[in-house]
Structures are given as structure tokens and as C-alpha cells.
mmCIF file of all heavy atoms, coordinates in Angstrom:
data_MODEL
# 
_entry.id   MODEL 
# 
loop_
_atom_site.group_PDB 
_atom_site.id 
_atom_site.type_symbol 
_atom_site.label_atom_id 
_atom_site.label_alt_id 
_atom_site.label_comp_id 
_atom_site.label_asym_id 
_atom_site.label_entity_id 
_atom_site.label_seq_id 
_atom_site.pdbx_PDB_ins_code 
_atom_site.Cartn_x 
_atom_site.Cartn_y 
_atom_site.Cartn_z 
_atom_site.occupancy 
_atom_site.B_iso_or_equiv 
_atom_site.pdbx_formal_charge 
_atom_site.auth_seq_id 
_atom_site.auth_comp_id 
_atom_site.auth_asym_id 
_atom_site.auth_atom_id 
_atom_site.pdbx_PDB_model_num 
ATOM 1   N N   . ASN A 1 1  ? -2.651 -0.512  6.730   1.00 0.00 ? 1  ASN A N   1 
ATOM 2   C CA  . ASN A 1 1  ? -2.309 -1.097  8.027   1.00 0.00 ? 1  ASN A CA  1 
ATOM 3   C C   . ASN A 1 1  ? -1.911 -2.558  7.865   1.00 0.00 ? 1  ASN A C   1 
ATOM 4   O O   . ASN A 1 1  ? -2.694 -3.389  7.416   1.00 0.00 ? 1  ASN A O   1 
ATOM 5   C CB  . ASN A 1 1  ? -3.514 -0.973  8.973   1.00 0.00 ? 1  ASN A CB  1 
ATOM 6   C CG  . ASN A 1 1  ? -3.169 -1.302  10.405  1.00 0.00 ? 1  ASN A CG  1 
ATOM 7   O OD1 . ASN A 1 1  ? -2.265 -2.081  10.676  1.00 0.00 ? 1  ASN A OD1 1 
ATOM 8   N ND2 . ASN A 1 1  ? -3.891 -0.714  11.335  1.00 0.00 ? 1  ASN A ND2 1 
ATOM 9   N N   . ASP A 1 2  ? -0.688 -2.896  8.241   1.00 0.00 ? 2  ASP A N   1 
ATOM 10  C CA  . ASP A 1 2  ? -0.166 -4.219  7.926   1.00 0.00 ? 2  ASP A CA  1 
ATOM 11  C C   . ASP A 1 2  ? -0.766 -5.333  8.767   1.00 0.00 ? 2  ASP A C   1 
ATOM 12  O O   . ASP A 1 2  ? -0.637 -6.510  8.418   1.00 0.00 ? 2  ASP A O   1 
ATOM 13  C CB  . ASP A 1 2  ? 1.361  -4.245  8.032   1.00 0.00 ? 2  ASP A CB  1 
ATOM 14  C CG  . ASP A 1 2  ? 1.853  -4.073  9.457   1.00 0.00 ? 2  ASP A CG  1 
ATOM 15  O OD1 . ASP A 1 2  ? 1.177  -3.378  10.239  1.00 0.00 ? 2  ASP A OD1 1 
ATOM 16  O OD2 . ASP A 1 2  ? 2.907  -4.618  9.792   1.00 0.00 ? 2  ASP A OD2 1 
ATOM 17  N N   . THR A 1 3  ? -1.450 -5.012  9.877   1.00 0.00 ? 3  THR A N   1 
ATOM 18  C CA  . THR A 1 3  ? -2.091 -6.072  10.646  1.00 0.00 ? 3  THR A CA  1 
ATOM 19  C C   . THR A 1 3  ? -3.218 -6.728  9.844   1.00 0.00 ? 3  THR A C   1 
ATOM 20  O O   . THR A 1 3  ? -3.615 -7.863  10.143  1.00 0.00 ? 3  THR A O   1 
ATOM 21  C CB  . THR A 1 3  ? -2.660 -5.545  11.980  1.00 0.00 ? 3  THR A CB  1 
ATOM 22  O OG1 . THR A 1 3  ? -3.615 -4.514  11.720  1.00 0.00 ? 3  THR A OG1 1 
ATOM 23  C CG2 . THR A 1 3  ? -1.540 -5.008  12.861  1.00 0.00 ? 3  THR A CG2 1 
ATOM 24  N N   . LEU A 1 4  ? -3.709 -6.053  8.809   1.00 0.00 ? 4  LEU A N   1 
ATOM 25  C CA  . LEU A 1 4  ? -4.767 -6.626  7.980   1.00 0.00 ? 4  LEU A CA  1 
ATOM 26  C C   . LEU A 1 4  ? -4.304 -7.899  7.279   1.00 0.00 ? 4  LEU A C   1 
ATOM 27  O O   . LEU A 1 4  ? -5.122 -8.749  6.917   1.00 0.00 ? 4  LEU A O   1 
ATOM 28  C CB  . LEU A 1 4  ? -5.235 -5.608  6.940   1.00 0.00 ? 4  LEU A CB  1 
ATOM 29  C CG  . LEU A 1 4  ? -5.904 -4.344  7.481   1.00 0.00 ? 4  LEU A CG  1 
ATOM 30  C CD1 . LEU A 1 4  ? -6.230 -3.399  6.339   1.00 0.00 ? 4  LEU A CD1 1 
ATOM 31  C CD2 . LEU A 1 4  ? -7.160 -4.689  8.267   1.00 0.00 ? 4  LEU A CD2 1 
ATOM 32  N N   . ARG A 1 5  ? -3.002 -8.044  7.088   1.00 0.00 ? 5  ARG A N   1 
ATOM 33  C CA  . ARG A 1 5  ? -2.504 -9.225  6.378   1.00 0.00 ? 5  ARG A CA  1 
ATOM 34  C C   . ARG A 1 5  ? -2.712 -10.502 7.176   1.00 0.00 ? 5  ARG A C   1 
ATOM 35  O O   . ARG A 1 5  ? -2.536 -11.599 6.643   1.00 0.00 ? 5  ARG A O   1 
ATOM 36  C CB  . ARG A 1 5  ? -1.034 -9.049  6.001   1.00 0.00 ? 5  ARG A CB  1 
ATOM 37  C CG  . ARG A 1 5  ? -0.072 -8.988  7.159   1.00 0.00 ? 5  ARG A CG  1 
ATOM 38  C CD  . ARG A 1 5  ? 1.363  -8.721  6.722   1.00 0.00 ? 5  ARG A CD  1 
ATOM 39  N NE  . ARG A 1 5  ? 1.517  -7.405  6.139   1.00 0.00 ? 5  ARG A NE  1 
ATOM 40  C CZ  . ARG A 1 5  ? 2.689  -6.907  5.761   1.00 0.00 ? 5  ARG A CZ  1 
ATOM 41  N NH1 . ARG A 1 5  ? 3.789  -7.605  5.895   1.00 0.00 ? 5  ARG A NH1 1 
ATOM 42  N NH2 . ARG A 1 5  ? 2.757  -5.695  5.234   1.00 0.00 ? 5  ARG A NH2 1 
ATOM 43  N N   . ALA A 1 6  ? -3.113 -10.365 8.441   1.00 0.00 ? 6  ALA A N   1 
ATOM 44  C CA  . ALA A 1 6  ? -3.474 -11.547 9.219   1.00 0.00 ? 6  ALA A CA  1 
ATOM 45  C C   . ALA A 1 6  ? -4.770 -12.170 8.700   1.00 0.00 ? 6  ALA A C   1 
ATOM 46  O O   . ALA A 1 6  ? -5.081 -13.319 9.003   1.00 0.00 ? 6  ALA A O   1 
ATOM 47  C CB  . ALA A 1 6  ? -3.641 -11.194 10.696  1.00 0.00 ? 6  ALA A CB  1 
ATOM 48  N N   . ALA A 1 7  ? -5.530 -11.383 7.899   1.00 0.00 ? 7  ALA A N   1 
ATOM 49  C CA  . ALA A 1 7  ? -6.791 -11.880 7.351   1.00 0.00 ? 7  ALA A CA  1 
ATOM 50  C C   . ALA A 1 7  ? -6.563 -12.668 6.068   1.00 0.00 ? 7  ALA A C   1 
ATOM 51  O O   . ALA A 1 7  ? -6.934 -13.838 5.958   1.00 0.00 ? 7  ALA A O   1 
ATOM 52  C CB  . ALA A 1 7  ? -7.749 -10.722 7.095   1.00 0.00 ? 7  ALA A CB  1 
ATOM 53  N N   . ILE A 1 8  ? -5.941 -12.022 5.084   1.00 0.00 ? 8  ILE A N   1 
ATOM 54  C CA  . ILE A 1 8  ? -5.757 -12.662 3.787   1.00 0.00 ? 8  ILE A CA  1 
ATOM 55  C C   . ILE A 1 8  ? -4.648 -11.933 3.038   1.00 0.00 ? 8  ILE A C   1 
ATOM 56  O O   . ILE A 1 8  ? -4.494 -10.710 3.157   1.00 0.00 ? 8  ILE A O   1 
ATOM 57  C CB  . ILE A 1 8  ? -7.078 -12.654 2.981   1.00 0.00 ? 8  ILE A CB  1 
ATOM 58  C CG1 . ILE A 1 8  ? -6.956 -13.485 1.703   1.00 0.00 ? 8  ILE A CG1 1 
ATOM 59  C CG2 . ILE A 1 8  ? -7.538 -11.243 2.695   1.00 0.00 ? 8  ILE A CG2 1 
ATOM 60  C CD1 . ILE A 1 8  ? -8.282 -13.684 0.991   1.00 0.00 ? 8  ILE A CD1 1 
ATOM 61  N N   . GLU A 1 9  ? -3.863 -12.655 2.284   1.00 0.00 ? 9  GLU A N   1 
ATOM 62  C CA  . GLU A 1 9  ? -2.739 -12.053 1.565   1.00 0.00 ? 9  GLU A CA  1 
ATOM 63  C C   . GLU A 1 9  ? -3.224 -11.021 0.551   1.00 0.00 ? 9  GLU A C   1 
ATOM 64  O O   . GLU A 1 9  ? -4.181 -11.242 -0.179  1.00 0.00 ? 9  GLU A O   1 
ATOM 65  C CB  . GLU A 1 9  ? -1.927 -13.122 0.844   1.00 0.00 ? 9  GLU A CB  1 
ATOM 66  C CG  . GLU A 1 9  ? -0.703 -12.561 0.129   1.00 0.00 ? 9  GLU A CG  1 
ATOM 67  C CD  . GLU A 1 9  ? 0.255  -13.635 -0.351  1.00 0.00 ? 9  GLU A CD  1 
ATOM 68  O OE1 . GLU A 1 9  ? 0.599  -14.525 0.459   1.00 0.00 ? 9  GLU A OE1 1 
ATOM 69  O OE2 . GLU A 1 9  ? 0.651  -13.569 -1.523  1.00 0.00 ? 9  GLU A OE2 1 
ATOM 70  N N   . GLY A 1 10 ? -2.542 -9.871  0.555   1.00 0.00 ? 10 GLY A N   1 
ATOM 71  C CA  . GLY A 1 10 ? -2.813 -8.828  -0.420  1.00 0.00 ? 10 GLY A CA  1 
ATOM 72  C C   . GLY A 1 10 ? -3.861 -7.824  0.001   1.00 0.00 ? 10 GLY A C   1 
ATOM 73  O O   . GLY A 1 10 ? -4.058 -6.814  -0.688  1.00 0.00 ? 10 GLY A O   1 
ATOM 74  N N   . ILE A 1 11 ? -4.511 -8.048  1.129   1.00 0.00 ? 11 ILE A N   1 
ATOM 75  C CA  . ILE A 1 11 ? -5.590 -7.152  1.523   1.00 0.00 ? 11 ILE A CA  1 
ATOM 76  C C   . ILE A 1 11 ? -5.073 -5.788  1.971   1.00 0.00 ? 11 ILE A C   1 
ATOM 77  O O   . ILE A 1 11 ? -5.820 -4.818  2.035   1.00 0.00 ? 11 ILE A O   1 
ATOM 78  C CB  . ILE A 1 11 ? -6.460 -7.803  2.623   1.00 0.00 ? 11 ILE A CB  1 
ATOM 79  C CG1 . ILE A 1 11 ? -7.855 -7.172  2.635   1.00 0.00 ? 11 ILE A CG1 1 
ATOM 80  C CG2 . ILE A 1 11 ? -5.788 -7.716  3.988   1.00 0.00 ? 11 ILE A CG2 1 
ATOM 81  C CD1 . ILE A 1 11 ? -8.871 -7.964  3.408   1.00 0.00 ? 11 ILE A CD1 1 
ATOM 82  N N   . ASP A 1 12 ? -3.779 -5.705  2.269   1.00 0.00 ? 12 ASP A N   1 
ATOM 83  C CA  . ASP A 1 12 ? -3.197 -4.427  2.672   1.00 0.00 ? 12 ASP A CA  1 
ATOM 84  C C   . ASP A 1 12 ? -2.561 -3.681  1.498   1.00 0.00 ? 12 ASP A C   1 
ATOM 85  O O   . ASP A 1 12 ? -1.930 -2.643  1.696   1.00 0.00 ? 12 ASP A O   1 
ATOM 86  C CB  . ASP A 1 12 ? -2.168 -4.632  3.785   1.00 0.00 ? 12 ASP A CB  1 
ATOM 87  C CG  . ASP A 1 12 ? -1.033 -5.563  3.392   1.00 0.00 ? 12 ASP A CG  1 
ATOM 88  O OD1 . ASP A 1 12 ? -1.262 -6.455  2.567   1.00 0.00 ? 12 ASP A OD1 1 
ATOM 89  O OD2 . ASP A 1 12 ? 0.087  -5.394  3.914   1.00 0.00 ? 12 ASP A OD2 1 
ATOM 90  N N   . PHE A 1 13 ? -2.721 -4.180  0.268   1.00 0.00 ? 13 PHE A N   1 
ATOM 91  C CA  . PHE A 1 13 ? -2.166 -3.495  -0.904  1.00 0.00 ? 13 PHE A CA  1 
ATOM 92  C C   . PHE A 1 13 ? -3.058 -2.311  -1.293  1.00 0.00 ? 13 PHE A C   1 
ATOM 93  O O   . PHE A 1 13 ? -4.286 -2.422  -1.277  1.00 0.00 ? 13 PHE A O   1 
ATOM 94  C CB  . PHE A 1 13 ? -2.104 -4.430  -2.118  1.00 0.00 ? 13 PHE A CB  1 
ATOM 95  C CG  . PHE A 1 13 ? -1.168 -5.587  -1.992  1.00 0.00 ? 13 PHE A CG  1 
ATOM 96  C CD1 . PHE A 1 13 ? -1.186 -6.600  -2.940  1.00 0.00 ? 13 PHE A CD1 1 
ATOM 97  C CD2 . PHE A 1 13 ? -0.274 -5.691  -0.940  1.00 0.00 ? 13 PHE A CD2 1 
ATOM 98  C CE1 . PHE A 1 13 ? -0.337 -7.683  -2.842  1.00 0.00 ? 13 PHE A CE1 1 
ATOM 99  C CE2 . PHE A 1 13 ? 0.583  -6.766  -0.832  1.00 0.00 ? 13 PHE A CE2 1 
ATOM 100 C CZ  . PHE A 1 13 ? 0.552  -7.770  -1.784  1.00 0.00 ? 13 PHE A CZ  1 
ATOM 101 N N   . PHE A 1 14 ? -2.431 -1.216  -1.679  1.00 0.00 ? 14 PHE A N   1 
ATOM 102 C CA  . PHE A 1 14 ? -3.149 -0.151  -2.372  1.00 0.00 ? 14 PHE A CA  1 
ATOM 103 C C   . PHE A 1 14 ? -3.210 -0.494  -3.858  1.00 0.00 ? 14 PHE A C   1 
ATOM 104 O O   . PHE A 1 14 ? -2.337 -1.188  -4.388  1.00 0.00 ? 14 PHE A O   1 
ATOM 105 C CB  . PHE A 1 14 ? -2.446 1.199   -2.191  1.00 0.00 ? 14 PHE A CB  1 
ATOM 106 C CG  . PHE A 1 14 ? -2.708 1.861   -0.867  1.00 0.00 ? 14 PHE A CG  1 
ATOM 107 C CD1 . PHE A 1 14 ? -1.738 1.875   0.124   1.00 0.00 ? 14 PHE A CD1 1 
ATOM 108 C CD2 . PHE A 1 14 ? -3.926 2.479   -0.618  1.00 0.00 ? 14 PHE A CD2 1 
ATOM 109 C CE1 . PHE A 1 14 ? -1.978 2.488   1.346   1.00 0.00 ? 14 PHE A CE1 1 
ATOM 110 C CE2 . PHE A 1 14 ? -4.176 3.095   0.600   1.00 0.00 ? 14 PHE A CE2 1 
ATOM 111 C CZ  . PHE A 1 14 ? -3.202 3.097   1.585   1.00 0.00 ? 14 PHE A CZ  1 
ATOM 112 N N   . GLU A 1 15 ? -4.232 0.011   -4.508  1.00 0.00 ? 15 GLU A N   1 
ATOM 113 C CA  . GLU A 1 15 ? -4.346 -0.189  -5.953  1.00 0.00 ? 15 GLU A CA  1 
ATOM 114 C C   . GLU A 1 15 ? -3.110 0.373   -6.645  1.00 0.00 ? 15 GLU A C   1 
ATOM 115 O O   . GLU A 1 15 ? -2.608 1.441   -6.292  1.00 0.00 ? 15 GLU A O   1 
ATOM 116 C CB  . GLU A 1 15 ? -5.603 0.519   -6.466  1.00 0.00 ? 15 GLU A CB  1 
ATOM 117 C CG  . GLU A 1 15 ? -5.911 0.256   -7.927  1.00 0.00 ? 15 GLU A CG  1 
ATOM 118 C CD  . GLU A 1 15 ? -7.184 0.949   -8.384  1.00 0.00 ? 15 GLU A CD  1 
ATOM 119 O OE1 . GLU A 1 15 ? -7.819 1.622   -7.559  1.00 0.00 ? 15 GLU A OE1 1 
ATOM 120 O OE2 . GLU A 1 15 ? -7.520 0.803   -9.566  1.00 0.00 ? 15 GLU A OE2 1 
ATOM 121 N N   . ASN A 1 16 ? -2.585 -0.358  -7.603  1.00 0.00 ? 16 ASN A N   1 
ATOM 122 C CA  . ASN A 1 16 ? -1.400 0.031   -8.389  1.00 0.00 ? 16 ASN A CA  1 
ATOM 123 C C   . ASN A 1 16 ? -0.097 -0.015  -7.586  1.00 0.00 ? 16 ASN A C   1 
ATOM 124 O O   . ASN A 1 16 ? 0.951  0.396   -8.099  1.00 0.00 ? 16 ASN A O   1 
ATOM 125 C CB  . ASN A 1 16 ? -1.570 1.419   -9.025  1.00 0.00 ? 16 ASN A CB  1 
ATOM 126 C CG  . ASN A 1 16 ? -2.756 1.471   -9.972  1.00 0.00 ? 16 ASN A CG  1 
ATOM 127 O OD1 . ASN A 1 16 ? -3.025 0.502   -10.678 1.00 0.00 ? 16 ASN A OD1 1 
ATOM 128 N ND2 . ASN A 1 16 ? -3.479 2.588   -9.974  1.00 0.00 ? 16 ASN A ND2 1 
ATOM 129 N N   . ARG A 1 17 ? -0.159 -0.492  -6.323  1.00 0.00 ? 17 ARG A N   1 
ATOM 130 C CA  . ARG A 1 17 ? 1.048  -0.747  -5.522  1.00 0.00 ? 17 ARG A CA  1 
ATOM 131 C C   . ARG A 1 17 ? 2.016  0.438   -5.515  1.00 0.00 ? 17 ARG A C   1 
ATOM 132 O O   . ARG A 1 17 ? 3.145  0.356   -5.993  1.00 0.00 ? 17 ARG A O   1 
ATOM 133 C CB  . ARG A 1 17 ? 1.754  -2.008  -6.024  1.00 0.00 ? 17 ARG A CB  1 
ATOM 134 C CG  . ARG A 1 17 ? 0.858  -3.239  -6.176  1.00 0.00 ? 17 ARG A CG  1 
ATOM 135 C CD  . ARG A 1 17 ? 0.514  -3.870  -4.859  1.00 0.00 ? 17 ARG A CD  1 
ATOM 136 N NE  . ARG A 1 17 ? 1.676  -4.438  -4.214  1.00 0.00 ? 17 ARG A NE  1 
ATOM 137 C CZ  . ARG A 1 17 ? 2.136  -5.681  -4.423  1.00 0.00 ? 17 ARG A CZ  1 
ATOM 138 N NH1 . ARG A 1 17 ? 1.504  -6.472  -5.291  1.00 0.00 ? 17 ARG A NH1 1 
ATOM 139 N NH2 . ARG A 1 17 ? 3.186  -6.136  -3.774  1.00 0.00 ? 17 ARG A NH2 1 
ATOM 140 N N   . PRO A 1 18 ? 1.614  1.609   -4.997  1.00 0.00 ? 18 PRO A N   1 
ATOM 141 C CA  . PRO A 1 18 ? 2.480  2.797   -5.005  1.00 0.00 ? 18 PRO A CA  1 
ATOM 142 C C   . PRO A 1 18 ? 3.765  2.567   -4.224  1.00 0.00 ? 18 PRO A C   1 
ATOM 143 O O   . PRO A 1 18 ? 3.808  1.794   -3.262  1.00 0.00 ? 18 PRO A O   1 
ATOM 144 C CB  . PRO A 1 18 ? 1.618  3.868   -4.346  1.00 0.00 ? 18 PRO A CB  1 
ATOM 145 C CG  . PRO A 1 18 ? 0.647  3.105   -3.495  1.00 0.00 ? 18 PRO A CG  1 
ATOM 146 C CD  . PRO A 1 18 ? 0.360  1.850   -4.266  1.00 0.00 ? 18 PRO A CD  1 
ATOM 147 N N   . ASN A 1 19 ? 4.829  3.285   -4.615  1.00 0.00 ? 19 ASN A N   1 
ATOM 148 C CA  . ASN A 1 19 ? 6.130  3.139   -3.983  1.00 0.00 ? 19 ASN A CA  1 
ATOM 149 C C   . ASN A 1 19 ? 6.689  4.513   -3.627  1.00 0.00 ? 19 ASN A C   1 
ATOM 150 O O   . ASN A 1 19 ? 6.591  5.461   -4.413  1.00 0.00 ? 19 ASN A O   1 
ATOM 151 C CB  . ASN A 1 19 ? 7.099  2.407   -4.924  1.00 0.00 ? 19 ASN A CB  1 
ATOM 152 C CG  . ASN A 1 19 ? 8.347  1.927   -4.205  1.00 0.00 ? 19 ASN A CG  1 
ATOM 153 O OD1 . ASN A 1 19 ? 9.191  2.725   -3.796  1.00 0.00 ? 19 ASN A OD1 1 
ATOM 154 N ND2 . ASN A 1 19 ? 8.476  0.609   -4.069  1.00 0.00 ? 19 ASN A ND2 1 
ATOM 155 N N   . ILE A 1 20 ? 7.278  4.607   -2.444  1.00 0.00 ? 20 ILE A N   1 
ATOM 156 C CA  . ILE A 1 20 ? 7.780  5.873   -1.923  1.00 0.00 ? 20 ILE A CA  1 
ATOM 157 C C   . ILE A 1 20 ? 8.902  6.438   -2.783  1.00 0.00 ? 20 ILE A C   1 
ATOM 158 O O   . ILE A 1 20 ? 9.179  7.644   -2.755  1.00 0.00 ? 20 ILE A O   1 
ATOM 159 C CB  . ILE A 1 20 ? 8.260  5.707   -0.463  1.00 0.00 ? 20 ILE A CB  1 
ATOM 160 C CG1 . ILE A 1 20 ? 8.269  7.047   0.287   1.00 0.00 ? 20 ILE A CG1 1 
ATOM 161 C CG2 . ILE A 1 20 ? 9.634  5.043   -0.406  1.00 0.00 ? 20 ILE A CG2 1 
ATOM 162 C CD1 . ILE A 1 20 ? 6.920  7.497   0.725   1.00 0.00 ? 20 ILE A CD1 1 
ATOM 163 N N   . ASN A 1 21 ? 9.541  5.598   -3.588  1.00 0.00 ? 21 ASN A N   1 
ATOM 164 C CA  . ASN A 1 21 ? 10.630 6.068   -4.442  1.00 0.00 ? 21 ASN A CA  1 
ATOM 165 C C   . ASN A 1 21 ? 10.127 6.874   -5.648  1.00 0.00 ? 21 ASN A C   1 
ATOM 166 O O   . ASN A 1 21 ? 10.937 7.447   -6.376  1.00 0.00 ? 21 ASN A O   1 
ATOM 167 C CB  . ASN A 1 21 ? 11.476 4.885   -4.913  1.00 0.00 ? 21 ASN A CB  1 
ATOM 168 C CG  . ASN A 1 21 ? 12.322 4.306   -3.786  1.00 0.00 ? 21 ASN A CG  1 
ATOM 169 O OD1 . ASN A 1 21 ? 13.164 4.997   -3.209  1.00 0.00 ? 21 ASN A OD1 1 
ATOM 170 N ND2 . ASN A 1 21 ? 12.102 3.042   -3.445  1.00 0.00 ? 21 ASN A ND2 1 
ATOM 171 N N   . THR A 1 22 ? 8.818  6.905   -5.836  1.00 0.00 ? 22 THR A N   1 
ATOM 172 C CA  . THR A 1 22 ? 8.220  7.754   -6.866  1.00 0.00 ? 22 THR A CA  1 
ATOM 173 C C   . THR A 1 22 ? 7.841  9.089   -6.240  1.00 0.00 ? 22 THR A C   1 
ATOM 174 O O   . THR A 1 22 ? 7.153  9.132   -5.218  1.00 0.00 ? 22 THR A O   1 
ATOM 175 C CB  . THR A 1 22 ? 6.963  7.092   -7.456  1.00 0.00 ? 22 THR A CB  1 
ATOM 176 O OG1 . THR A 1 22 ? 7.322  5.831   -8.027  1.00 0.00 ? 22 THR A OG1 1 
ATOM 177 C CG2 . THR A 1 22 ? 6.336  7.971   -8.517  1.00 0.00 ? 22 THR A CG2 1 
ATOM 178 N N   . GLU A 1 23 ? 8.286  10.174  -6.829  1.00 0.00 ? 23 GLU A N   1 
ATOM 179 C CA  . GLU A 1 23 ? 8.070  11.494  -6.252  1.00 0.00 ? 23 GLU A CA  1 
ATOM 180 C C   . GLU A 1 23 ? 6.584  11.792  -6.093  1.00 0.00 ? 23 GLU A C   1 
ATOM 181 O O   . GLU A 1 23 ? 5.776  11.488  -6.963  1.00 0.00 ? 23 GLU A O   1 
ATOM 182 C CB  . GLU A 1 23 ? 8.737  12.564  -7.118  1.00 0.00 ? 23 GLU A CB  1 
ATOM 183 C CG  . GLU A 1 23 ? 8.804  13.925  -6.444  1.00 0.00 ? 23 GLU A CG  1 
ATOM 184 C CD  . GLU A 1 23 ? 9.746  14.877  -7.162  1.00 0.00 ? 23 GLU A CD  1 
ATOM 185 O OE1 . GLU A 1 23 ? 10.429 14.444  -8.103  1.00 0.00 ? 23 GLU A OE1 1 
ATOM 186 O OE2 . GLU A 1 23 ? 9.790  16.061  -6.768  1.00 0.00 ? 23 GLU A OE2 1 
ATOM 187 N N   . ASN A 1 24 ? 6.237  12.369  -4.962  1.00 0.00 ? 24 ASN A N   1 
ATOM 188 C CA  . ASN A 1 24 ? 4.877  12.772  -4.615  1.00 0.00 ? 24 ASN A CA  1 
ATOM 189 C C   . ASN A 1 24 ? 3.945  11.583  -4.376  1.00 0.00 ? 24 ASN A C   1 
ATOM 190 O O   . ASN A 1 24 ? 2.725  11.743  -4.318  1.00 0.00 ? 24 ASN A O   1 
ATOM 191 C CB  . ASN A 1 24 ? 4.267  13.681  -5.688  1.00 0.00 ? 24 ASN A CB  1 
ATOM 192 C CG  . ASN A 1 24 ? 3.233  14.636  -5.111  1.00 0.00 ? 24 ASN A CG  1 
ATOM 193 O OD1 . ASN A 1 24 ? 3.373  15.130  -3.984  1.00 0.00 ? 24 ASN A OD1 1 
ATOM 194 N ND2 . ASN A 1 24 ? 2.175  14.885  -5.863  1.00 0.00 ? 24 ASN A ND2 1 
ATOM 195 N N   . SER A 1 25 ? 4.491  10.402  -4.217  1.00 0.00 ? 25 SER A N   1 
ATOM 196 C CA  . SER A 1 25 ? 3.670  9.196   -4.055  1.00 0.00 ? 25 SER A CA  1 
ATOM 197 C C   . SER A 1 25 ? 2.887  9.193   -2.748  1.00 0.00 ? 25 SER A C   1 
ATOM 198 O O   . SER A 1 25 ? 1.725  8.766   -2.708  1.00 0.00 ? 25 SER A O   1 
ATOM 199 C CB  . SER A 1 25 ? 4.550  7.946   -4.138  1.00 0.00 ? 25 SER A CB  1 
ATOM 200 O OG  . SER A 1 25 ? 5.614  8.019   -3.194  1.00 0.00 ? 25 SER A OG  1 
ATOM 201 N N   . LEU A 1 26 ? 3.497  9.659   -1.660  1.00 0.00 ? 26 LEU A N   1 
ATOM 202 C CA  . LEU A 1 26 ? 2.838  9.613   -0.361  1.00 0.00 ? 26 LEU A CA  1 
ATOM 203 C C   . LEU A 1 26 ? 1.624  10.537  -0.331  1.00 0.00 ? 26 LEU A C   1 
ATOM 204 O O   . LEU A 1 26 ? 0.545  10.149  0.134   1.00 0.00 ? 26 LEU A O   1 
ATOM 205 C CB  . LEU A 1 26 ? 3.826  9.986   0.745   1.00 0.00 ? 26 LEU A CB  1 
ATOM 206 C CG  . LEU A 1 26 ? 3.297  9.900   2.182   1.00 0.00 ? 26 LEU A CG  1 
ATOM 207 C CD1 . LEU A 1 26 ? 2.757  8.505   2.488   1.00 0.00 ? 26 LEU A CD1 1 
ATOM 208 C CD2 . LEU A 1 26 ? 4.389  10.267  3.180   1.00 0.00 ? 26 LEU A CD2 1 
ATOM 209 N N   . LEU A 1 27 ? 1.770  11.752  -0.831  1.00 0.00 ? 27 LEU A N   1 
ATOM 210 C CA  . LEU A 1 27 ? 0.644  12.684  -0.841  1.00 0.00 ? 27 LEU A CA  1 
ATOM 211 C C   . LEU A 1 27 ? -0.482 12.179  -1.738  1.00 0.00 ? 27 LEU A C   1 
ATOM 212 O O   . LEU A 1 27 ? -1.659 12.374  -1.433  1.00 0.00 ? 27 LEU A O   1 
ATOM 213 C CB  . LEU A 1 27 ? 1.098  14.070  -1.304  1.00 0.00 ? 27 LEU A CB  1 
ATOM 214 C CG  . LEU A 1 27 ? 2.048  14.830  -0.358  1.00 0.00 ? 27 LEU A CG  1 
ATOM 215 C CD1 . LEU A 1 27 ? 2.325  16.221  -0.894  1.00 0.00 ? 27 LEU A CD1 1 
ATOM 216 C CD2 . LEU A 1 27 ? 1.471  14.902  1.051   1.00 0.00 ? 27 LEU A CD2 1 
ATOM 217 N N   . LYS A 1 28 ? -0.138 11.521  -2.828  1.00 0.00 ? 28 LYS A N   1 
ATOM 218 C CA  . LYS A 1 28 ? -1.172 10.963  -3.706  1.00 0.00 ? 28 LYS A CA  1 
ATOM 219 C C   . LYS A 1 28 ? -1.969 9.885   -2.990  1.00 0.00 ? 28 LYS A C   1 
ATOM 220 O O   . LYS A 1 28 ? -3.197 9.818   -3.115  1.00 0.00 ? 28 LYS A O   1 
ATOM 221 C CB  . LYS A 1 28 ? -0.535 10.407  -4.976  1.00 0.00 ? 28 LYS A CB  1 
ATOM 222 C CG  . LYS A 1 28 ? -0.067 11.478  -5.952  1.00 0.00 ? 28 LYS A CG  1 
ATOM 223 C CD  . LYS A 1 28 ? 0.534  10.854  -7.205  1.00 0.00 ? 28 LYS A CD  1 
ATOM 224 C CE  . LYS A 1 28 ? 0.981  11.928  -8.188  1.00 0.00 ? 28 LYS A CE  1 
ATOM 225 N NZ  . LYS A 1 28 ? 1.608  11.328  -9.397  1.00 0.00 ? 28 LYS A NZ  1 
ATOM 226 N N   . VAL A 1 29 ? -1.262 9.034   -2.228  1.00 0.00 ? 29 VAL A N   1 
ATOM 227 C CA  . VAL A 1 29 ? -1.956 7.989   -1.465  1.00 0.00 ? 29 VAL A CA  1 
ATOM 228 C C   . VAL A 1 29 ? -2.876 8.616   -0.430  1.00 0.00 ? 29 VAL A C   1 
ATOM 229 O O   . VAL A 1 29 ? -4.048 8.229   -0.284  1.00 0.00 ? 29 VAL A O   1 
ATOM 230 C CB  . VAL A 1 29 ? -0.945 7.042   -0.794  1.00 0.00 ? 29 VAL A CB  1 
ATOM 231 C CG1 . VAL A 1 29 ? -1.646 6.154   0.245   1.00 0.00 ? 29 VAL A CG1 1 
ATOM 232 C CG2 . VAL A 1 29 ? -0.243 6.178   -1.822  1.00 0.00 ? 29 VAL A CG2 1 
# 
């Protein structure tokens, strides 16, 4: 949830920074 970035930078990152351009990335998240 991107509203979390109002708290501190990077707090809305998932570990390993997944990207939708990698196949099956969304289901893994």
C-alpha cells in the first residue's frame, strides 16, 4: 500500500523488489 510511504521511505517495498515484468511475479507476491 503506497500510502505507507508517508511514514518513511522504503517501507512499502517488498523484499527483493519484485517486478511485474517477471513471469508469475504477482502470484508469488
